[in-house]
Amino acid sequence: MTLLADLLVLLHLGFVAFVVGGGFLVARHPWLAALHLPAAAWGAWIEFSGGICPLTPLENHLRRLGGGEAYQGDFVERYLLPVLYPEQLTVSLQQGLGAMVIAVNLIAYAWVWRRLRHSQHTG
């Protein structure tokens, strides 16, 4: 179960990276916007609402089933978990993260839109 929990943390980290930076992939693969926009909205909503992603309790449940309690020992637990679960996470920090998600994605989609407009004029 601990391995499943570690894999879930990797999936969670990948989702967070997609939420934050996935808009830049839309320039290359426009169809990704259909996946990215709802993911980014979800990520921003979770942060602004002070909520918790359902992957977090699932990961903790898998750890308990595997007999684990504390994050220690391997690469995933030592280096990736603090990114997803910082100790000093407050509501205001979460709201700042939500604002960052929105700002980065506004920049990404403005860049994509500009790039598409430029290619229409030159093509």
PDB file of N, CA and C in Angstrom:
ATOM      1  N   MET A   1       0.808  -1.201   0.000  1.00  0.00           N
ATOM      2  CA  MET A   1       0.000   0.000   0.000  1.00  0.00           C
ATOM      3  C   MET A   1       0.851   1.264   0.000  1.00  0.00           C
ATOM      4  N   THR A   2       2.021   1.177   0.619  1.00  0.00           N
ATOM      5  CA  THR A   2       2.900   2.342   0.654  1.00  0.00           C
ATOM      6  C   THR A   2       3.339   2.717  -0.758  1.00  0.00           C
ATOM      7  N   LEU A   3       3.613   1.723  -1.583  1.00  0.00           N
ATOM      8  CA  LEU A   3       3.989   2.000  -2.974  1.00  0.00           C
ATOM      9  C   LEU A   3       2.841   2.696  -3.708  1.00  0.00           C
ATOM     10  N   LEU A   4       1.619   2.254  -3.479  1.00  0.00           N
ATOM     11  CA  LEU A   4       0.466   2.918  -4.101  1.00  0.00           C
ATOM     12  C   LEU A   4       0.352   4.361  -3.619  1.00  0.00           C
ATOM     13  N   ALA A   5       0.605   4.575  -2.337  1.00  0.00           N
ATOM     14  CA  ALA A   5       0.573   5.938  -1.804  1.00  0.00           C
ATOM     15  C   ALA A   5       1.653   6.798  -2.458  1.00  0.00           C
ATOM     16  N   ASP A   6       2.846   6.245  -2.642  1.00  0.00           N
ATOM     17  CA  ASP A   6       3.926   6.980  -3.313  1.00  0.00           C
ATOM     18  C   ASP A   6       3.556   7.301  -4.759  1.00  0.00           C
ATOM     19  N   LEU A   7       2.967   6.340  -5.448  1.00  0.00           N
ATOM     20  CA  LEU A   7       2.544   6.570  -6.832  1.00  0.00           C
ATOM     21  C   LEU A   7       1.452   7.638  -6.894  1.00  0.00           C
ATOM     22  N   LEU A   8       0.575   7.631  -5.908  1.00  0.00           N
ATOM     23  CA  LEU A   8      -0.474   8.643  -5.852  1.00  0.00           C
ATOM     24  C   LEU A   8       0.119  10.029  -5.630  1.00  0.00           C
ATOM     25  N   VAL A   9       1.168  10.120  -4.815  1.00  0.00           N
ATOM     26  CA  VAL A   9       1.838  11.403  -4.612  1.00  0.00           C
ATOM     27  C   VAL A   9       2.450  11.890  -5.926  1.00  0.00           C
ATOM     28  N   LEU A  10       3.061  10.992  -6.688  1.00  0.00           N
ATOM     29  CA  LEU A  10       3.614  11.376  -7.992  1.00  0.00           C
ATOM     30  C   LEU A  10       2.507  11.851  -8.939  1.00  0.00           C
ATOM     31  N   LEU A  11       1.385  11.137  -8.936  1.00  0.00           N
ATOM     32  CA  LEU A  11       0.247  11.555  -9.755  1.00  0.00           C
ATOM     33  C   LEU A  11      -0.250  12.929  -9.314  1.00  0.00           C
ATOM     34  N   HIS A  12      -0.336  13.128  -8.014  1.00  0.00           N
ATOM     35  CA  HIS A  12      -0.785  14.402  -7.450  1.00  0.00           C
ATOM     36  C   HIS A  12       0.161  15.531  -7.855  1.00  0.00           C
ATOM     37  N   LEU A  13       1.453  15.288  -7.754  1.00  0.00           N
ATOM     38  CA  LEU A  13       2.442  16.295  -8.145  1.00  0.00           C
ATOM     39  C   LEU A  13       2.331  16.602  -9.645  1.00  0.00           C
ATOM     40  N   GLY A  14       2.136  15.572 -10.443  1.00  0.00           N
ATOM     41  CA  GLY A  14       1.950  15.780 -11.881  1.00  0.00           C
ATOM     42  C   GLY A  14       0.705  16.601 -12.177  1.00  0.00           C
ATOM     43  N   PHE A  15      -0.364  16.340 -11.429  1.00  0.00           N
ATOM     44  CA  PHE A  15      -1.588  17.119 -11.609  1.00  0.00           C
ATOM     45  C   PHE A  15      -1.357  18.579 -11.235  1.00  0.00           C
ATOM     46  N   VAL A  16      -0.656  18.813 -10.130  1.00  0.00           N
ATOM     47  CA  VAL A  16      -0.354  20.185  -9.703  1.00  0.00           C
ATOM     48  C   VAL A  16       0.473  20.888 -10.786  1.00  0.00           C
ATOM     49  N   ALA A  17       1.463  20.214 -11.336  1.00  0.00           N
ATOM     50  CA  ALA A  17       2.288  20.806 -12.395  1.00  0.00           C
ATOM     51  C   ALA A  17       1.432  21.111 -13.628  1.00  0.00           C
ATOM     52  N   PHE A  18       0.498  20.220 -13.959  1.00  0.00           N
ATOM     53  CA  PHE A  18      -0.388  20.445 -15.095  1.00  0.00           C
ATOM     54  C   PHE A  18      -1.310  21.635 -14.843  1.00  0.00           C
ATOM     55  N   VAL A  19      -1.827  21.740 -13.619  1.00  0.00           N
ATOM     56  CA  VAL A  19      -2.690  22.872 -13.258  1.00  0.00           C
ATOM     57  C   VAL A  19      -1.941  24.184 -13.433  1.00  0.00           C
ATOM     58  N   VAL A  20      -0.709  24.234 -12.946  1.00  0.00           N
ATOM     59  CA  VAL A  20       0.056  25.480 -12.986  1.00  0.00           C
ATOM     60  C   VAL A  20       0.588  25.770 -14.384  1.00  0.00           C
ATOM     61  N   GLY A  21       1.174  24.804 -15.037  1.00  0.00           N
ATOM     62  CA  GLY A  21       1.859  25.079 -16.299  1.00  0.00           C
ATOM     63  C   GLY A  21       1.252  24.486 -17.547  1.00  0.00           C
ATOM     64  N   GLY A  22       0.158  23.770 -17.410  1.00  0.00           N
ATOM     65  CA  GLY A  22      -0.431  23.095 -18.559  1.00  0.00           C
ATOM     66  C   GLY A  22      -0.904  24.026 -19.662  1.00  0.00           C
ATOM     67  N   GLY A  23      -1.202  25.271 -19.315  1.00  0.00           N
ATOM     68  CA  GLY A  23      -1.633  26.227 -20.325  1.00  0.00           C
ATOM     69  C   GLY A  23      -0.588  26.433 -21.407  1.00  0.00           C
ATOM     70  N   PHE A  24       0.672  26.311 -21.044  1.00  0.00           N
ATOM     71  CA  PHE A  24       1.741  26.484 -22.035  1.00  0.00           C
ATOM     72  C   PHE A  24       1.773  25.326 -23.033  1.00  0.00           C
ATOM     73  N   LEU A  25       1.263  24.163 -22.632  1.00  0.00           N
ATOM     74  CA  LEU A  25       1.207  23.019 -23.546  1.00  0.00           C
ATOM     75  C   LEU A  25       0.120  23.191 -24.602  1.00  0.00           C
ATOM     76  N   VAL A  26      -0.847  24.054 -24.314  1.00  0.00           N
ATOM     77  CA  VAL A  26      -1.963  24.259 -25.236  1.00  0.00           C
ATOM     78  C   VAL A  26      -1.487  24.861 -26.559  1.00  0.00           C
ATOM     79  N   ALA A  27      -0.409  25.627 -26.554  1.00  0.00           N
ATOM     80  CA  ALA A  27       0.125  26.193 -27.796  1.00  0.00           C
ATOM     81  C   ALA A  27       0.513  25.080 -28.768  1.00  0.00           C
ATOM     82  N   ARG A  28       1.023  24.017 -28.255  1.00  0.00           N
ATOM     83  CA  ARG A  28       1.471  22.891 -29.083  1.00  0.00           C
ATOM     84  C   ARG A  28       0.344  21.895 -29.353  1.00  0.00           C
ATOM     85  N   HIS A  29      -0.519  21.720 -28.354  1.00  0.00           N
ATOM     86  CA  HIS A  29      -1.611  20.744 -28.432  1.00  0.00           C
ATOM     87  C   HIS A  29      -2.905  21.420 -27.983  1.00  0.00           C
ATOM     88  N   PRO A  30      -3.564  22.140 -28.882  1.00  0.00           N
ATOM     89  CA  PRO A  30      -4.761  22.901 -28.497  1.00  0.00           C
ATOM     90  C   PRO A  30      -5.863  22.076 -27.831  1.00  0.00           C
ATOM     91  N   TRP A  31      -5.971  20.803 -28.163  1.00  0.00           N
ATOM     92  CA  TRP A  31      -6.994  19.952 -27.561  1.00  0.00           C
ATOM     93  C   TRP A  31      -6.825  19.818 -26.055  1.00  0.00           C
ATOM     94  N   LEU A  32      -5.606  20.077 -25.540  1.00  0.00           N
ATOM     95  CA  LEU A  32      -5.373  19.984 -24.097  1.00  0.00           C
ATOM     96  C   LEU A  32      -6.145  21.029 -23.303  1.00  0.00           C
ATOM     97  N   ALA A  33      -6.578  22.099 -23.965  1.00  0.00           N
ATOM     98  CA  ALA A  33      -7.353  23.131 -23.261  1.00  0.00           C
ATOM     99  C   ALA A  33      -8.610  22.530 -22.642  1.00  0.00           C
ATOM    100  N   ALA A  34      -9.199  21.546 -23.304  1.00  0.00           N
ATOM    101  CA  ALA A  34     -10.410  20.902 -22.785  1.00  0.00           C
ATOM    102  C   ALA A  34     -10.139  20.161 -21.479  1.00  0.00           C
ATOM    103  N   LEU A  35      -8.928  19.711 -21.278  1.00  0.00           N
ATOM    104  CA  LEU A  35      -8.548  19.056 -20.025  1.00  0.00           C
ATOM    105  C   LEU A  35      -7.972  20.059 -19.027  1.00  0.00           C
ATOM    106  N   HIS A  36      -7.194  20.993 -19.559  1.00  0.00           N
ATOM    107  CA  HIS A  36      -6.481  21.897 -18.680  1.00  0.00           C
ATOM    108  C   HIS A  36      -7.371  22.930 -17.991  1.00  0.00           C
ATOM    109  N   LEU A  37      -8.286  23.526 -18.730  1.00  0.00           N
ATOM    110  CA  LEU A  37      -9.124  24.571 -18.129  1.00  0.00           C
ATOM    111  C   LEU A  37      -9.922  24.061 -16.924  1.00  0.00           C
ATOM    112  N   PRO A  38     -10.580  22.896 -17.017  1.00  0.00           N
ATOM    113  CA  PRO A  38     -11.257  22.396 -15.807  1.00  0.00           C
ATOM    114  C   PRO A  38     -10.274  22.043 -14.685  1.00  0.00           C
ATOM    115  N   ALA A  39      -9.108  21.513 -15.037  1.00  0.00           N
ATOM    116  CA  ALA A  39      -8.109  21.181 -14.020  1.00  0.00           C
ATOM    117  C   ALA A  39      -7.613  22.444 -13.322  1.00  0.00           C
ATOM    118  N   ALA A  40      -7.348  23.490 -14.087  1.00  0.00           N
ATOM    119  CA  ALA A  40      -6.886  24.756 -13.503  1.00  0.00           C
ATOM    120  C   ALA A  40      -7.977  25.383 -12.641  1.00  0.00           C
ATOM    121  N   ALA A  41      -9.224  25.313 -13.107  1.00  0.00           N
ATOM    122  CA  ALA A  41     -10.331  25.849 -12.304  1.00  0.00           C
ATOM    123  C   ALA A  41     -10.458  25.085 -10.991  1.00  0.00           C
ATOM    124  N   TRP A  42     -10.339  23.770 -11.057  1.00  0.00           N
ATOM    125  CA  TRP A  42     -10.394  22.942  -9.844  1.00  0.00           C
ATOM    126  C   TRP A  42      -9.256  23.318  -8.886  1.00  0.00           C
ATOM    127  N   GLY A  43      -8.040  23.420  -9.416  1.00  0.00           N
ATOM    128  CA  GLY A  43      -6.889  23.751  -8.577  1.00  0.00           C
ATOM    129  C   GLY A  43      -7.049  25.105  -7.911  1.00  0.00           C
ATOM    130  N   ALA A  44      -7.508  26.100  -8.668  1.00  0.00           N
ATOM    131  CA  ALA A  44      -7.711  27.426  -8.087  1.00  0.00           C
ATOM    132  C   ALA A  44      -8.828  27.391  -7.051  1.00  0.00           C
ATOM    133  N   TRP A  45      -9.909  26.666  -7.350  1.00  0.00           N
ATOM    134  CA  TRP A  45     -11.026  26.587  -6.408  1.00  0.00           C
ATOM    135  C   TRP A  45     -10.597  25.927  -5.094  1.00  0.00           C
ATOM    136  N   ILE A  46      -9.852  24.838  -5.189  1.00  0.00           N
ATOM    137  CA  ILE A  46      -9.382  24.150  -3.978  1.00  0.00           C
ATOM    138  C   ILE A  46      -8.565  25.110  -3.122  1.00  0.00           C
ATOM    139  N   GLU A  47      -7.686  25.880  -3.765  1.00  0.00           N
ATOM    140  CA  GLU A  47      -6.840  26.805  -3.010  1.00  0.00           C
ATOM    141  C   GLU A  47      -7.649  27.951  -2.410  1.00  0.00           C
ATOM    142  N   PHE A  48      -8.528  28.557  -3.193  1.00  0.00           N
ATOM    143  CA  PHE A  48      -9.305  29.697  -2.688  1.00  0.00           C
ATOM    144  C   PHE A  48     -10.305  29.289  -1.614  1.00  0.00           C
ATOM    145  N   SER A  49     -10.839  28.086  -1.725  1.00  0.00           N
ATOM    146  CA  SER A  49     -11.843  27.641  -0.762  1.00  0.00           C
ATOM    147  C   SER A  49     -11.214  27.143   0.535  1.00  0.00           C
ATOM    148  N   GLY A  50      -9.884  26.947   0.523  1.00  0.00           N
ATOM    149  CA  GLY A  50      -9.231  26.377   1.706  1.00  0.00           C
ATOM    150  C   GLY A  50      -9.506  24.892   1.831  1.00  0.00           C
ATOM    151  N   GLY A  51      -9.982  24.307   0.740  1.00  0.00           N
ATOM    152  CA  GLY A  51     -10.322  22.888   0.747  1.00  0.00           C
ATOM    153  C   GLY A  51      -9.104  21.999   0.614  1.00  0.00           C
ATOM    154  N   ILE A  52      -9.382  20.737   0.506  1.00  0.00           N
ATOM    155  CA  ILE A  52      -8.315  19.752   0.356  1.00  0.00           C
ATOM    156  C   ILE A  52      -8.665  18.840  -0.815  1.00  0.00           C
ATOM    157  N   CYS A  53      -7.696  18.575  -1.624  1.00  0.00           N
ATOM    158  CA  CYS A  53      -7.897  17.705  -2.780  1.00  0.00           C
ATOM    159  C   CYS A  53      -8.226  16.292  -2.285  1.00  0.00           C
ATOM    160  N   PRO A  54      -9.159  15.611  -2.920  1.00  0.00           N
ATOM    161  CA  PRO A  54      -9.506  14.243  -2.498  1.00  0.00           C
ATOM    162  C   PRO A  54      -8.340  13.264  -2.593  1.00  0.00           C
ATOM    163  N   LEU A  55      -7.317  13.597  -3.368  1.00  0.00           N
ATOM    164  CA  LEU A  55      -6.161  12.702  -3.444  1.00  0.00           C
ATOM    165  C   LEU A  55      -5.406  12.657  -2.114  1.00  0.00           C
ATOM    166  N   THR A  56      -5.451  13.727  -1.341  1.00  0.00           N
ATOM    167  CA  THR A  56      -4.715  13.784  -0.080  1.00  0.00           C
ATOM    168  C   THR A  56      -5.244  12.776   0.939  1.00  0.00           C
ATOM    169  N   PRO A  57      -6.548  12.768   1.244  1.00  0.00           N
ATOM    170  CA  PRO A  57      -7.026  11.755   2.184  1.00  0.00           C
ATOM    171  C   PRO A  57      -6.847  10.326   1.666  1.00  0.00           C
ATOM    172  N   LEU A  58      -6.970  10.142   0.346  1.00  0.00           N
ATOM    173  CA  LEU A  58      -6.753   8.809  -0.222  1.00  0.00           C
ATOM    174  C   LEU A  58      -5.316   8.367   0.000  1.00  0.00           C
ATOM    175  N   GLU A  59      -4.382   9.264  -0.224  1.00  0.00           N
ATOM    176  CA  GLU A  59      -2.968   8.938  -0.015  1.00  0.00           C
ATOM    177  C   GLU A  59      -2.709   8.612   1.456  1.00  0.00           C
ATOM    178  N   ASN A  60      -3.265   9.402   2.357  1.00  0.00           N
ATOM    179  CA  ASN A  60      -3.089   9.132   3.790  1.00  0.00           C
ATOM    180  C   ASN A  60      -3.718   7.800   4.187  1.00  0.00           C
ATOM    181  N   HIS A  61      -4.862   7.474   3.623  1.00  0.00           N
ATOM    182  CA  HIS A  61      -5.518   6.197   3.888  1.00  0.00           C
ATOM    183  C   HIS A  61      -4.634   5.030   3.431  1.00  0.00           C
ATOM    184  N   LEU A  62      -4.070   5.159   2.237  1.00  0.00           N
ATOM    185  CA  LEU A  62      -3.184   4.107   1.729  1.00  0.00           C
ATOM    186  C   LEU A  62      -1.952   3.956   2.612  1.00  0.00           C
ATOM    187  N   ARG A  63      -1.434   5.074   3.112  1.00  0.00           N
ATOM    188  CA  ARG A  63      -0.265   4.997   4.007  1.00  0.00           C
ATOM    189  C   ARG A  63      -0.624   4.250   5.289  1.00  0.00           C
ATOM    190  N   ARG A  64      -1.787   4.576   5.850  1.00  0.00           N
ATOM    191  CA  ARG A  64      -2.195   3.883   7.084  1.00  0.00           C
ATOM    192  C   ARG A  64      -2.393   2.395   6.833  1.00  0.00           C
ATOM    193  N   LEU A  65      -3.006   2.051   5.686  1.00  0.00           N
ATOM    194  CA  LEU A  65      -3.184   0.633   5.355  1.00  0.00           C
ATOM    195  C   LEU A  65      -1.841  -0.079   5.214  1.00  0.00           C
ATOM    196  N   GLY A  66      -0.837   0.652   4.747  1.00  0.00           N
ATOM    197  CA  GLY A  66       0.498   0.082   4.591  1.00  0.00           C
ATOM    198  C   GLY A  66       1.304   0.084   5.878  1.00  0.00           C
ATOM    199  N   GLY A  67       0.701   0.559   6.963  1.00  0.00           N
ATOM    200  CA  GLY A  67       1.385   0.583   8.259  1.00  0.00           C
ATOM    201  C   GLY A  67       2.238   1.809   8.479  1.00  0.00           C
ATOM    202  N   GLY A  68       2.197   2.769   7.571  1.00  0.00           N
ATOM    203  CA  GLY A  68       3.004   3.973   7.718  1.00  0.00           C
ATOM    204  C   GLY A  68       2.246   5.075   8.428  1.00  0.00           C
ATOM    205  N   GLU A  69       2.996   5.980   9.021  1.00  0.00           N
ATOM    206  CA  GLU A  69       2.401   7.144   9.661  1.00  0.00           C
ATOM    207  C   GLU A  69       3.117   8.414   9.247  1.00  0.00           C
ATOM    208  N   ALA A  70       4.422   8.382   9.291  1.00  0.00           N
ATOM    209  CA  ALA A  70       5.203   9.588   9.016  1.00  0.00           C
ATOM    210  C   ALA A  70       5.843   9.483   7.642  1.00  0.00           C
ATOM    211  N   TYR A  71       6.080  10.631   7.036  1.00  0.00           N
ATOM    212  CA  TYR A  71       6.785  10.674   5.767  1.00  0.00           C
ATOM    213  C   TYR A  71       8.279  10.679   6.056  1.00  0.00           C
ATOM    214  N   GLN A  72       8.915   9.568   5.786  1.00  0.00           N
ATOM    215  CA  GLN A  72      10.359   9.506   5.961  1.00  0.00           C
ATOM    216  C   GLN A  72      10.927   8.377   5.125  1.00  0.00           C
ATOM    217  N   GLY A  73      12.175   8.513   4.762  1.00  0.00           N
ATOM    218  CA  GLY A  73      12.844   7.381   4.173  1.00  0.00           C
ATOM    219  C   GLY A  73      13.180   7.411   2.698  1.00  0.00           C
ATOM    220  N   ASP A  74      12.232   7.617   1.809  1.00  0.00           N
ATOM    221  CA  ASP A  74      12.571   7.509   0.403  1.00  0.00           C
ATOM    222  C   ASP A  74      12.465   8.851  -0.311  1.00  0.00           C
ATOM    223  N   PHE A  75      12.831   8.846  -1.576  1.00  0.00           N
ATOM    224  CA  PHE A  75      12.878  10.076  -2.370  1.00  0.00           C
ATOM    225  C   PHE A  75      11.523  10.780  -2.419  1.00  0.00           C
ATOM    226  N   VAL A  76      10.496  10.010  -2.712  1.00  0.00           N
ATOM    227  CA  VAL A  76       9.156  10.598  -2.831  1.00  0.00           C
ATOM    228  C   VAL A  76       8.771  11.289  -1.528  1.00  0.00           C
ATOM    229  N   GLU A  77       8.939  10.587  -0.437  1.00  0.00           N
ATOM    230  CA  GLU A  77       8.528  11.148   0.847  1.00  0.00           C
ATOM    231  C   GLU A  77       9.411  12.308   1.289  1.00  0.00           C
ATOM    232  N   ARG A  78      10.669  12.232   0.990  1.00  0.00           N
ATOM    233  CA  ARG A  78      11.591  13.263   1.469  1.00  0.00           C
ATOM    234  C   ARG A  78      11.550  14.535   0.620  1.00  0.00           C
ATOM    235  N   TYR A  79      11.399  14.388  -0.700  1.00  0.00           N
ATOM    236  CA  TYR A  79      11.536  15.548  -1.580  1.00  0.00           C
ATOM    237  C   TYR A  79      10.236  16.026  -2.218  1.00  0.00           C
ATOM    238  N   LEU A  80       9.298  15.144  -2.467  1.00  0.00           N
ATOM    239  CA  LEU A  80       8.076  15.554  -3.158  1.00  0.00           C
ATOM    240  C   LEU A  80       6.930  15.902  -2.206  1.00  0.00           C
ATOM    241  N   LEU A  81       6.813  15.172  -1.108  1.00  0.00           N
ATOM    242  CA  LEU A  81       5.713  15.445  -0.192  1.00  0.00           C
ATOM    243  C   LEU A  81       5.730  16.863   0.376  1.00  0.00           C
ATOM    244  N   PRO A  82       6.890  17.431   0.730  1.00  0.00           N
ATOM    245  CA  PRO A  82       6.870  18.805   1.249  1.00  0.00           C
ATOM    246  C   PRO A  82       6.369  19.839   0.233  1.00  0.00           C
ATOM    247  N   VAL A  83       6.506  19.533  -1.044  1.00  0.00           N
ATOM    248  CA  VAL A  83       5.988  20.438  -2.075  1.00  0.00           C
ATOM    249  C   VAL A  83       4.462  20.438  -2.040  1.00  0.00           C
ATOM    250  N   LEU A  84       3.873  19.254  -1.881  1.00  0.00           N
ATOM    251  CA  LEU A  84       2.420  19.146  -1.869  1.00  0.00           C
ATOM    252  C   LEU A  84       1.806  19.475  -0.518  1.00  0.00           C
ATOM    253  N   TYR A  85       2.522  19.188   0.545  1.00  0.00           N
ATOM    254  CA  TYR A  85       1.969  19.351   1.890  1.00  0.00           C
ATOM    255  C   TYR A  85       2.908  20.173   2.779  1.00  0.00           C
ATOM    256  N   PRO A  86       3.095  21.461   2.494  1.00  0.00           N
ATOM    257  CA  PRO A  86       3.993  22.253   3.337  1.00  0.00           C
ATOM    258  C   PRO A  86       3.459  22.362   4.767  1.00  0.00           C
ATOM    259  N   GLU A  87       4.372  22.377   5.724  1.00  0.00           N
ATOM    260  CA  GLU A  87       3.980  22.420   7.134  1.00  0.00           C
ATOM    261  C   GLU A  87       3.283  23.722   7.507  1.00  0.00           C
ATOM    262  N   GLN A  88       3.677  24.831   6.912  1.00  0.00           N
ATOM    263  CA  GLN A  88       3.127  26.131   7.262  1.00  0.00           C
ATOM    264  C   GLN A  88       1.971  26.552   6.358  1.00  0.00           C
ATOM    265  N   LEU A  89       1.221  25.593   5.835  1.00  0.00           N
ATOM    266  CA  LEU A  89       0.133  25.917   4.931  1.00  0.00           C
ATOM    267  C   LEU A  89      -1.007  26.584   5.703  1.00  0.00           C
ATOM    268  N   THR A  90      -1.295  27.831   5.341  1.00  0.00           N
ATOM    269  CA  THR A  90      -2.390  28.582   5.943  1.00  0.00           C
ATOM    270  C   THR A  90      -3.410  28.911   4.864  1.00  0.00           C
ATOM    271  N   VAL A  91      -4.578  29.394   5.276  1.00  0.00           N
ATOM    272  CA  VAL A  91      -5.605  29.768   4.310  1.00  0.00           C
ATOM    273  C   VAL A  91      -5.090  30.894   3.420  1.00  0.00           C
ATOM    274  N   SER A  92      -4.404  31.883   4.007  1.00  0.00           N
ATOM    275  CA  SER A  92      -3.907  32.991   3.181  1.00  0.00           C
ATOM    276  C   SER A  92      -2.836  32.507   2.210  1.00  0.00           C
ATOM    277  N   LEU A  93      -1.997  31.552   2.616  1.00  0.00           N
ATOM    278  CA  LEU A  93      -1.007  30.983   1.695  1.00  0.00           C
ATOM    279  C   LEU A  93      -1.716  30.209   0.587  1.00  0.00           C
ATOM    280  N   GLN A  94      -2.753  29.465   0.950  1.00  0.00           N
ATOM    281  CA  GLN A  94      -3.515  28.738  -0.063  1.00  0.00           C
ATOM    282  C   GLN A  94      -4.138  29.709  -1.055  1.00  0.00           C
ATOM    283  N   GLN A  95      -4.675  30.805  -0.566  1.00  0.00           N
ATOM    284  CA  GLN A  95      -5.283  31.794  -1.467  1.00  0.00           C
ATOM    285  C   GLN A  95      -4.225  32.431  -2.359  1.00  0.00           C
ATOM    286  N   GLY A  96      -3.033  32.647  -1.832  1.00  0.00           N
ATOM    287  CA  GLY A  96      -1.928  33.140  -2.657  1.00  0.00           C
ATOM    288  C   GLY A  96      -1.560  32.145  -3.746  1.00  0.00           C
ATOM    289  N   LEU A  97      -1.582  30.864  -3.397  1.00  0.00           N
ATOM    290  CA  LEU A  97      -1.308  29.829  -4.398  1.00  0.00           C
ATOM    291  C   LEU A  97      -2.399  29.802  -5.463  1.00  0.00           C
ATOM    292  N   GLY A  98      -3.639  29.996  -5.036  1.00  0.00           N
ATOM    293  CA  GLY A  98      -4.737  30.068  -6.003  1.00  0.00           C
ATOM    294  C   GLY A  98      -4.559  31.242  -6.945  1.00  0.00           C
ATOM    295  N   ALA A  99      -4.148  32.393  -6.408  1.00  0.00           N
ATOM    296  CA  ALA A  99      -3.894  33.570  -7.251  1.00  0.00           C
ATOM    297  C   ALA A  99      -2.749  33.304  -8.214  1.00  0.00           C
ATOM    298  N   MET A 100      -1.729  32.578  -7.752  1.00  0.00           N
ATOM    299  CA  MET A 100      -0.612  32.236  -8.620  1.00  0.00           C
ATOM    300  C   MET A 100      -1.074  31.332  -9.761  1.00  0.00           C
ATOM    301  N   VAL A 101      -1.936  30.362  -9.462  1.00  0.00           N
ATOM    302  CA  VAL A 101      -2.471  29.477 -10.503  1.00  0.00           C
ATOM    303  C   VAL A 101      -3.181  30.303 -11.569  1.00  0.00           C
ATOM    304  N   ILE A 102      -4.008  31.231 -11.132  1.00  0.00           N
ATOM    305  CA  ILE A 102      -4.744  32.064 -12.084  1.00  0.00           C
ATOM    306  C   ILE A 102      -3.788  32.948 -12.875  1.00  0.00           C
ATOM    307  N   ALA A 103      -2.825  33.578 -12.213  1.00  0.00           N
ATOM    308  CA  ALA A 103      -1.894  34.485 -12.899  1.00  0.00           C
ATOM    309  C   ALA A 103      -1.050  33.739 -13.935  1.00  0.00           C
ATOM    310  N   VAL A 104      -0.492  32.619 -13.560  1.00  0.00           N
ATOM    311  CA  VAL A 104       0.338  31.850 -14.501  1.00  0.00           C
ATOM    312  C   VAL A 104      -0.489  31.412 -15.694  1.00  0.00           C
ATOM    313  N   ASN A 105      -1.719  30.988 -15.441  1.00  0.00           N
ATOM    314  CA  ASN A 105      -2.549  30.523 -16.547  1.00  0.00           C
ATOM    315  C   ASN A 105      -3.058  31.662 -17.415  1.00  0.00           C
ATOM    316  N   LEU A 106      -3.296  32.821 -16.850  1.00  0.00           N
ATOM    317  CA  LEU A 106      -3.635  33.982 -17.676  1.00  0.00           C
ATOM    318  C   LEU A 106      -2.476  34.325 -18.605  1.00  0.00           C
ATOM    319  N   ILE A 107      -1.278  34.271 -18.069  1.00  0.00           N
ATOM    320  CA  ILE A 107      -0.091  34.524 -18.893  1.00  0.00           C
ATOM    321  C   ILE A 107       0.030  33.459 -19.981  1.00  0.00           C
ATOM    322  N   ALA A 108      -0.156  32.196 -19.610  1.00  0.00           N
ATOM    323  CA  ALA A 108      -0.035  31.101 -20.581  1.00  0.00           C
ATOM    324  C   ALA A 108      -1.049  31.244 -21.704  1.00  0.00           C
ATOM    325  N   TYR A 109      -2.291  31.485 -21.351  1.00  0.00           N
ATOM    326  CA  TYR A 109      -3.317  31.569 -22.395  1.00  0.00           C
ATOM    327  C   TYR A 109      -3.195  32.850 -23.209  1.00  0.00           C
ATOM    328  N   ALA A 110      -2.713  33.923 -22.625  1.00  0.00           N
ATOM    329  CA  ALA A 110      -2.445  35.142 -23.410  1.00  0.00           C
ATOM    330  C   ALA A 110      -1.346  34.858 -24.424  1.00  0.00           C
ATOM    331  N   TRP A 111      -0.326  34.124 -24.006  1.00  0.00           N
ATOM    332  CA  TRP A 111       0.766  33.748 -24.895  1.00  0.00           C
ATOM    333  C   TRP A 111       0.256  32.846 -26.017  1.00  0.00           C
ATOM    334  N   VAL A 112      -0.569  31.861 -25.664  1.00  0.00           N
ATOM    335  CA  VAL A 112      -1.138  30.961 -26.674  1.00  0.00           C
ATOM    336  C   VAL A 112      -1.995  31.748 -27.655  1.00  0.00           C
ATOM    337  N   TRP A 113      -2.853  32.604 -27.149  1.00  0.00           N
ATOM    338  CA  TRP A 113      -3.733  33.402 -28.010  1.00  0.00           C
ATOM    339  C   TRP A 113      -2.919  34.271 -28.949  1.00  0.00           C
ATOM    340  N   ARG A 114      -1.892  34.917 -28.414  1.00  0.00           N
ATOM    341  CA  ARG A 114      -1.032  35.771 -29.243  1.00  0.00           C
ATOM    342  C   ARG A 114      -0.306  34.948 -30.308  1.00  0.00           C
ATOM    343  N   ARG A 115       0.169  33.800 -29.913  1.00  0.00           N
ATOM    344  CA  ARG A 115       0.866  32.922 -30.849  1.00  0.00           C
ATOM    345  C   ARG A 115      -0.068  32.446 -31.956  1.00  0.00           C
ATOM    346  N   LEU A 116      -1.291  32.092 -31.602  1.00  0.00           N
ATOM    347  CA  LEU A 116      -2.256  31.652 -32.601  1.00  0.00           C
ATOM    348  C   LEU A 116      -2.625  32.798 -33.554  1.00  0.00           C
ATOM    349  N   ARG A 117      -2.811  33.987 -33.017  1.00  0.00           N
ATOM    350  CA  ARG A 117      -3.111  35.150 -33.867  1.00  0.00           C
ATOM    351  C   ARG A 117      -1.966  35.424 -34.818  1.00  0.00           C
ATOM    352  N   HIS A 118      -0.738  35.322 -34.319  1.00  0.00           N
ATOM    353  CA  HIS A 118       0.428  35.567 -35.162  1.00  0.00           C
ATOM    354  C   HIS A 118       0.504  34.527 -36.279  1.00  0.00           C
ATOM    355  N   SER A 119       0.250  33.262 -35.954  1.00  0.00           N
ATOM    356  CA  SER A 119       0.341  32.226 -36.977  1.00  0.00           C
ATOM    357  C   SER A 119      -0.789  32.353 -38.015  1.00  0.00           C
ATOM    358  N   GLN A 120      -1.943  32.884 -37.620  1.00  0.00           N
ATOM    359  CA  GLN A 120      -3.017  33.098 -38.581  1.00  0.00           C
ATOM    360  C   GLN A 120      -2.663  34.214 -39.558  1.00  0.00           C
ATOM    361  N   HIS A 121      -1.971  35.232 -39.071  1.00  0.00           N
ATOM    362  CA  HIS A 121      -1.591  36.353 -39.932  1.00  0.00           C
ATOM    363  C   HIS A 121      -0.448  36.001 -40.871  1.00  0.00           C
ATOM    364  N   THR A 122       0.437  35.111 -40.436  1.00  0.00           N
ATOM    365  CA  THR A 122       1.580  34.740 -41.267  1.00  0.00           C
ATOM    366  C   THR A 122       1.283  33.514 -42.116  1.00  0.00           C
ATOM    367  N   GLY A 123       0.257  32.768 -41.777  1.00  0.00           N
ATOM    368  CA  GLY A 123      -0.015  31.517 -42.490  1.00  0.00           C
ATOM    369  C   GLY A 123      -1.108  31.661 -43.442  1.00  0.00           C
TER     370      GLY A 123
END
